[in-house]
């Protein structure tokens, strides 16, 4: 079941453009950030300014969580959504940055028209655990995967 669940999670990530990223400030205050992202398997990548609170939070505590869900008007009985816990880190190696940029621009081509920003950095989240909820298999049906 684990491989099938990972495949479903990867597909869900590839089919969506935004996730809700949870971080914790150095003082312990939780925050949630909406992020456009690209994905490869169950790893997600996103660009952001290095001056943001989310980056400060991640530098202080790289443990993050995020969700991806449908909000397309389907009935609750058909919804599929993902909850992820993982470790965020800054990506600096040029080959991985280029790969991530391609993943993101393929999904969200309008980002290519954004003006260059020298403060932009690339972050990635490597998942450590996720829960895939698939109501089509029974309301609240969940499969948990630890990586």
C-alpha atoms as a PDB file:
ATOM      1  CA  UNK A   1       0.000   0.000   0.000  1.00  0.00           C
ATOM      2  CA  UNK A   2       2.875   2.372   0.757  1.00  0.00           C
ATOM      3  CA  UNK A   3       4.116   2.538  -2.874  1.00  0.00           C
ATOM      4  CA  UNK A   4       0.580   3.114  -4.137  1.00  0.00           C
ATOM      5  CA  UNK A   5       0.036   5.840  -1.534  1.00  0.00           C
ATOM      6  CA  UNK A   6       3.318   7.546  -2.479  1.00  0.00           C
ATOM      7  CA  UNK A   7       2.243   7.410  -6.137  1.00  0.00           C
ATOM      8  CA  UNK A   8      -1.154   8.983  -5.282  1.00  0.00           C
ATOM      9  CA  UNK A   9       0.541  11.689  -3.196  1.00  0.00           C
ATOM     10  CA  UNK A  10       2.993  12.456  -6.019  1.00  0.00           C
ATOM     11  CA  UNK A  11       0.105  12.755  -8.482  1.00  0.00           C
ATOM     12  CA  UNK A  12      -1.832  15.034  -6.141  1.00  0.00           C
ATOM     13  CA  UNK A  13       1.241  17.270  -5.802  1.00  0.00           C
ATOM     14  CA  UNK A  14       1.791  17.391  -9.568  1.00  0.00           C
ATOM     15  CA  UNK A  15      -1.870  18.300 -10.169  1.00  0.00           C
ATOM     16  CA  UNK A  16      -1.898  21.343  -7.873  1.00  0.00           C
ATOM     17  CA  UNK A  17      -0.152  24.705  -7.880  1.00  0.00           C
ATOM     18  CA  UNK A  18      -0.373  25.892  -4.269  1.00  0.00           C
ATOM     19  CA  UNK A  19       0.301  24.491  -0.835  1.00  0.00           C
ATOM     20  CA  UNK A  20      -0.237  25.840   2.673  1.00  0.00           C
ATOM     21  CA  UNK A  21       3.140  25.803   4.443  1.00  0.00           C
ATOM     22  CA  UNK A  22       3.278  25.825   8.226  1.00  0.00           C
ATOM     23  CA  UNK A  23       6.364  27.158  10.030  1.00  0.00           C
ATOM     24  CA  UNK A  24       7.091  28.161  13.619  1.00  0.00           C
ATOM     25  CA  UNK A  25       8.772  31.449  14.578  1.00  0.00           C
ATOM     26  CA  UNK A  26      11.769  31.463  16.908  1.00  0.00           C
ATOM     27  CA  UNK A  27       9.378  32.590  19.689  1.00  0.00           C
ATOM     28  CA  UNK A  28       7.086  29.598  19.034  1.00  0.00           C
ATOM     29  CA  UNK A  29       4.367  31.416  17.071  1.00  0.00           C
ATOM     30  CA  UNK A  30       2.868  29.248  14.285  1.00  0.00           C
ATOM     31  CA  UNK A  31       2.450  30.765  10.821  1.00  0.00           C
ATOM     32  CA  UNK A  32       0.930  29.508   7.584  1.00  0.00           C
ATOM     33  CA  UNK A  33       2.115  30.682   4.158  1.00  0.00           C
ATOM     34  CA  UNK A  34       0.460  30.025   0.788  1.00  0.00           C
ATOM     35  CA  UNK A  35       3.152  28.997  -1.696  1.00  0.00           C
ATOM     36  CA  UNK A  36       3.274  28.228  -5.408  1.00  0.00           C
ATOM     37  CA  UNK A  37       5.471  25.174  -5.880  1.00  0.00           C
ATOM     38  CA  UNK A  38       6.915  22.567  -8.166  1.00  0.00           C
ATOM     39  CA  UNK A  39       7.350  18.944  -7.221  1.00  0.00           C
ATOM     40  CA  UNK A  40       9.313  15.853  -8.043  1.00  0.00           C
ATOM     41  CA  UNK A  41       7.754  12.812  -6.463  1.00  0.00           C
ATOM     42  CA  UNK A  42       6.884  13.894  -2.935  1.00  0.00           C
ATOM     43  CA  UNK A  43       9.608  16.566  -2.683  1.00  0.00           C
ATOM     44  CA  UNK A  44       8.407  20.143  -3.198  1.00  0.00           C
ATOM     45  CA  UNK A  45      10.366  23.226  -4.242  1.00  0.00           C
ATOM     46  CA  UNK A  46       9.473  26.902  -4.024  1.00  0.00           C
ATOM     47  CA  UNK A  47      11.158  30.254  -4.500  1.00  0.00           C
ATOM     48  CA  UNK A  48      10.829  33.043  -1.968  1.00  0.00           C
ATOM     49  CA  UNK A  49      12.690  36.149  -0.870  1.00  0.00           C
ATOM     50  CA  UNK A  50      15.413  35.437   1.669  1.00  0.00           C
ATOM     51  CA  UNK A  51      14.029  38.300   3.794  1.00  0.00           C
ATOM     52  CA  UNK A  52      10.645  36.649   4.486  1.00  0.00           C
ATOM     53  CA  UNK A  53       9.436  35.480   7.882  1.00  0.00           C
ATOM     54  CA  UNK A  54       9.092  31.955   6.541  1.00  0.00           C
ATOM     55  CA  UNK A  55      12.815  31.833   5.743  1.00  0.00           C
ATOM     56  CA  UNK A  56      13.709  33.227   9.181  1.00  0.00           C
ATOM     57  CA  UNK A  57      11.431  30.624  10.753  1.00  0.00           C
ATOM     58  CA  UNK A  58      12.921  27.777   8.691  1.00  0.00           C
ATOM     59  CA  UNK A  59      16.481  28.841   9.511  1.00  0.00           C
ATOM     60  CA  UNK A  60      15.576  28.705  13.211  1.00  0.00           C
ATOM     61  CA  UNK A  61      13.581  25.460  12.910  1.00  0.00           C
ATOM     62  CA  UNK A  62      13.600  23.532   9.625  1.00  0.00           C
ATOM     63  CA  UNK A  63      10.707  21.270  10.662  1.00  0.00           C
ATOM     64  CA  UNK A  64       7.669  22.263   8.598  1.00  0.00           C
ATOM     65  CA  UNK A  65       4.269  20.961   7.657  1.00  0.00           C
ATOM     66  CA  UNK A  66       2.070  21.618   4.664  1.00  0.00           C
ATOM     67  CA  UNK A  67      -1.244  20.672   3.164  1.00  0.00           C
ATOM     68  CA  UNK A  68      -2.495  20.355  -0.398  1.00  0.00           C
ATOM     69  CA  UNK A  69      -6.200  19.909  -0.990  1.00  0.00           C
ATOM     70  CA  UNK A  70      -8.962  20.149  -3.535  1.00  0.00           C
ATOM     71  CA  UNK A  71     -11.267  23.123  -3.455  1.00  0.00           C
ATOM     72  CA  UNK A  72     -12.912  22.654  -6.804  1.00  0.00           C
ATOM     73  CA  UNK A  73     -16.498  22.192  -5.787  1.00  0.00           C
ATOM     74  CA  UNK A  74     -16.564  18.402  -5.673  1.00  0.00           C
ATOM     75  CA  UNK A  75     -18.509  16.734  -2.915  1.00  0.00           C
ATOM     76  CA  UNK A  76     -16.750  15.950   0.366  1.00  0.00           C
ATOM     77  CA  UNK A  77     -17.214  12.262  -0.457  1.00  0.00           C
ATOM     78  CA  UNK A  78     -14.790  12.559  -3.396  1.00  0.00           C
ATOM     79  CA  UNK A  79     -12.129  14.818  -1.861  1.00  0.00           C
ATOM     80  CA  UNK A  80      -8.481  13.772  -1.645  1.00  0.00           C
ATOM     81  CA  UNK A  81      -5.988  15.783   0.378  1.00  0.00           C
ATOM     82  CA  UNK A  82      -2.481  15.559   1.741  1.00  0.00           C
ATOM     83  CA  UNK A  83      -0.861  16.498   5.053  1.00  0.00           C
ATOM     84  CA  UNK A  84       2.952  16.454   5.118  1.00  0.00           C
ATOM     85  CA  UNK A  85       5.617  16.820   7.780  1.00  0.00           C
ATOM     86  CA  UNK A  86       9.134  17.387   6.551  1.00  0.00           C
ATOM     87  CA  UNK A  87      12.416  19.211   6.695  1.00  0.00           C
ATOM     88  CA  UNK A  88      12.928  22.427   4.718  1.00  0.00           C
ATOM     89  CA  UNK A  89      16.302  23.549   3.476  1.00  0.00           C
ATOM     90  CA  UNK A  90      17.821  26.122   1.181  1.00  0.00           C
ATOM     91  CA  UNK A  91      19.018  24.705  -2.149  1.00  0.00           C
ATOM     92  CA  UNK A  92      22.174  26.266  -3.552  1.00  0.00           C
ATOM     93  CA  UNK A  93      23.620  23.656  -5.926  1.00  0.00           C
ATOM     94  CA  UNK A  94      23.109  24.952  -9.472  1.00  0.00           C
ATOM     95  CA  UNK A  95      21.912  21.657 -11.057  1.00  0.00           C
ATOM     96  CA  UNK A  96      19.181  21.226  -8.441  1.00  0.00           C
ATOM     97  CA  UNK A  97      18.190  24.906  -8.656  1.00  0.00           C
ATOM     98  CA  UNK A  98      17.851  24.611 -12.456  1.00  0.00           C
ATOM     99  CA  UNK A  99      15.841  21.384 -12.146  1.00  0.00           C
ATOM    100  CA  UNK A 100      13.489  22.954  -9.594  1.00  0.00           C
ATOM    101  CA  UNK A 101      13.078  26.097 -11.683  1.00  0.00           C
ATOM    102  CA  UNK A 102      12.063  23.954 -14.655  1.00  0.00           C
ATOM    103  CA  UNK A 103       9.552  22.023 -12.504  1.00  0.00           C
ATOM    104  CA  UNK A 104       8.005  25.231 -11.203  1.00  0.00           C
ATOM    105  CA  UNK A 105       7.882  27.031 -14.568  1.00  0.00           C
ATOM    106  CA  UNK A 106       6.346  23.996 -16.263  1.00  0.00           C
ATOM    107  CA  UNK A 107       3.532  24.094 -13.730  1.00  0.00           C
ATOM    108  CA  UNK A 108       3.240  27.889 -13.457  1.00  0.00           C
ATOM    109  CA  UNK A 109       4.599  29.420 -16.696  1.00  0.00           C
ATOM    110  CA  UNK A 110       3.462  32.946 -15.817  1.00  0.00           C
ATOM    111  CA  UNK A 111       6.203  33.059 -13.175  1.00  0.00           C
ATOM    112  CA  UNK A 112       8.731  33.386 -16.011  1.00  0.00           C
ATOM    113  CA  UNK A 113       7.388  36.912 -16.618  1.00  0.00           C
ATOM    114  CA  UNK A 114       8.209  38.063 -13.094  1.00  0.00           C
ATOM    115  CA  UNK A 115      11.095  40.523 -12.864  1.00  0.00           C
ATOM    116  CA  UNK A 116      14.364  39.097 -11.550  1.00  0.00           C
ATOM    117  CA  UNK A 117      14.818  39.432  -7.807  1.00  0.00           C
ATOM    118  CA  UNK A 118      18.362  39.049  -6.459  1.00  0.00           C
ATOM    119  CA  UNK A 119      16.936  38.221  -3.025  1.00  0.00           C
ATOM    120  CA  UNK A 120      15.149  35.087  -4.289  1.00  0.00           C
ATOM    121  CA  UNK A 121      16.255  31.749  -2.889  1.00  0.00           C
ATOM    122  CA  UNK A 122      15.078  28.215  -3.501  1.00  0.00           C
ATOM    123  CA  UNK A 123      13.731  26.090  -0.688  1.00  0.00           C
ATOM    124  CA  UNK A 124      12.834  22.436  -0.779  1.00  0.00           C
ATOM    125  CA  UNK A 125      10.893  20.278   1.604  1.00  0.00           C
ATOM    126  CA  UNK A 126      11.893  16.660   1.933  1.00  0.00           C
ATOM    127  CA  UNK A 127       8.925  14.807   3.431  1.00  0.00           C
ATOM    128  CA  UNK A 128       9.436  12.628   6.491  1.00  0.00           C
ATOM    129  CA  UNK A 129       5.824  11.596   6.914  1.00  0.00           C
ATOM    130  CA  UNK A 130       2.556  12.207   5.142  1.00  0.00           C
ATOM    131  CA  UNK A 131      -1.070  11.317   5.478  1.00  0.00           C
ATOM    132  CA  UNK A 132      -3.167  10.987   2.352  1.00  0.00           C
ATOM    133  CA  UNK A 133      -6.899  11.281   3.009  1.00  0.00           C
ATOM    134  CA  UNK A 134      -9.097   9.851   0.245  1.00  0.00           C
ATOM    135  CA  UNK A 135     -12.786  10.200   0.988  1.00  0.00           C
ATOM    136  CA  UNK A 136     -13.668   8.244  -2.168  1.00  0.00           C
ATOM    137  CA  UNK A 137     -12.435   5.148  -0.287  1.00  0.00           C
ATOM    138  CA  UNK A 138     -14.671   5.938   2.678  1.00  0.00           C
ATOM    139  CA  UNK A 139     -15.178   9.232   4.492  1.00  0.00           C
ATOM    140  CA  UNK A 140     -11.971  10.062   6.354  1.00  0.00           C
ATOM    141  CA  UNK A 141     -10.026   7.117   4.899  1.00  0.00           C
ATOM    142  CA  UNK A 142      -6.338   7.791   5.583  1.00  0.00           C
ATOM    143  CA  UNK A 143      -3.078   6.157   4.551  1.00  0.00           C
ATOM    144  CA  UNK A 144       0.031   7.179   6.458  1.00  0.00           C
ATOM    145  CA  UNK A 145       3.538   6.877   5.026  1.00  0.00           C
ATOM    146  CA  UNK A 146       6.786   7.404   6.915  1.00  0.00           C
ATOM    147  CA  UNK A 147       9.807   8.049   4.732  1.00  0.00           C
END
